Every structure is written in C-alpha cells, then in structure tokens.
Protein backbone atom coordinates (compact mmCIF):
# COMPACT_ATOMS: atom_id res chain seq x y z
CA MET A 1 0.14 0.07 -0.19
CA LYS A 2 1.35 3.50 -1.09
CA ARG A 3 2.13 6.10 1.57
CA GLU A 4 -0.43 8.39 -0.13
CA GLU A 5 -3.15 5.81 0.27
CA ILE A 6 -2.68 4.98 4.12
CA MET A 7 -2.66 8.93 4.60
CA GLY A 8 -5.86 9.10 2.98
CA VAL A 9 -7.38 6.48 5.27
CA VAL A 10 -5.65 7.71 8.43
CA ASN A 11 -7.77 11.40 6.79
CA GLU A 12 -11.29 9.51 6.86
CA ILE A 13 -10.56 8.02 10.25
CA ALA A 14 -9.98 11.54 11.87
CA LYS A 15 -12.62 13.21 10.01
CA GLU A 16 -15.05 10.43 11.89
CA VAL A 17 -12.72 10.72 15.34
CA PHE A 18 -12.22 14.21 15.74
CA GLU A 19 -16.23 14.87 13.92
CA ASP A 20 -15.14 17.55 11.09
CA ASP A 21 -15.79 16.88 7.78
CA GLU A 22 -13.40 19.28 6.85
CA LEU A 23 -10.18 18.17 8.41
CA VAL A 24 -7.30 17.43 6.34
CA LEU A 25 -4.24 16.39 8.28
CA THR A 26 -0.63 16.52 6.55
CA GLU A 27 2.38 14.61 6.90
CA GLU A 28 3.27 17.77 9.29
CA SER A 29 0.19 17.66 11.29
CA VAL A 30 0.57 17.96 15.48
CA ALA A 31 -2.40 16.96 17.82
CA ASP A 32 -2.74 20.42 19.23
CA GLU A 33 -3.35 21.72 15.80
CA VAL A 34 -6.73 19.77 15.41
CA ASP A 35 -9.66 20.61 17.63
CA GLY A 36 -10.94 17.72 19.95
CA TRP A 37 -7.58 15.74 19.97
CA ASP A 38 -6.81 14.89 23.44
CA SER A 39 -5.42 11.90 25.35
CA LEU A 40 -9.30 9.92 25.01
CA THR A 41 -9.66 10.84 21.20
CA HIS A 42 -6.01 9.77 20.52
CA LEU A 43 -6.63 6.51 21.94
CA VAL A 44 -9.97 5.84 19.95
CA PHE A 45 -7.97 7.56 16.72
CA ILE A 46 -5.24 5.00 17.33
CA ALA A 47 -7.84 1.79 18.20
CA GLU A 48 -9.63 3.17 14.52
CA ILE A 49 -6.72 2.58 12.80
CA GLU A 50 -5.49 -0.82 14.37
CA LYS A 51 -9.15 -2.17 13.64
CA LYS A 52 -8.74 -0.75 9.61
CA TYR A 53 -5.21 -2.13 9.17
CA LYS A 54 -5.69 -5.24 11.69
CA ILE A 55 -2.69 -4.50 13.26
CA LYS A 56 -1.15 -3.55 16.93
CA PHE A 57 0.96 -0.67 17.71
CA LEU A 58 3.42 -1.20 20.64
CA MET A 59 3.05 1.34 23.54
CA GLY A 60 6.06 2.61 23.14
CA GLU A 61 4.84 3.72 19.35
CA ILE A 62 1.56 5.38 20.37
CA GLN A 63 3.59 7.53 22.65
CA GLY A 64 6.32 8.67 20.38
CA PHE A 65 4.45 9.95 17.14
CA ALA A 66 5.98 13.41 16.74
CA ASN A 67 3.63 13.79 13.81
CA VAL A 68 1.25 12.44 11.41
CA GLY A 69 3.90 11.46 9.08
CA GLU A 70 5.23 9.34 12.04
CA LEU A 71 2.42 7.23 12.25
CA VAL A 72 1.98 6.71 8.46
CA SER A 73 5.35 5.73 8.48
CA THR A 74 4.86 2.79 11.39
CA ILE A 75 1.61 1.95 9.93
CA GLU A 76 4.05 1.30 6.90
CA LYS A 77 6.12 -1.30 9.01
CA HIS A 78 3.75 -2.89 10.33
CA ILE A 79 1.67 -3.54 7.06
CA GLU A 80 5.08 -5.02 5.86
CA LYS A 81 5.18 -7.83 8.67
CA ASN A 82 1.85 -9.26 7.77
C-alpha cells in the first residue's frame, strides 16, 4: 500500500473520530493543531487505525509519534510485517 493511500485512510478515520468533515491532516500535522485531539480521542483514533489495518501498535510507538507522518511510517512498517 502506498503512503498516499495510507494518508487518505488516516484522514478519513480522523474525520470520523474528531467529527470534522473539513479536517485535512498532513504529514506535519500534530495533535495540538486539531480541535478535540486529546488523550482520549488519541486512543480512539489509534484503535480505529489498528482495526482498519488489523495491526497492533506497541505502547512505545503510540506515545512516540511526533506527527502524523511518523504515524503513517509506523503503519507502513506494520503492514510490511504482515
């Protein structure tokens, strides 16, 4: 799966989780830039991504994402393993 496709899926999940149809995440996006992105919605967002891709992030991965680009890179690594 191409990085652009993963970004598209992540954006669709984000629109649902953050209840904002206008939301567009970029690779440089960070939680502080998104209304409603707090610790609880972060966990929901991650859980929805895990469900979509049938992957399981490690706790250290979840805590270590500096931006959406790092999240996408980690998704890529998990997809490659499967």
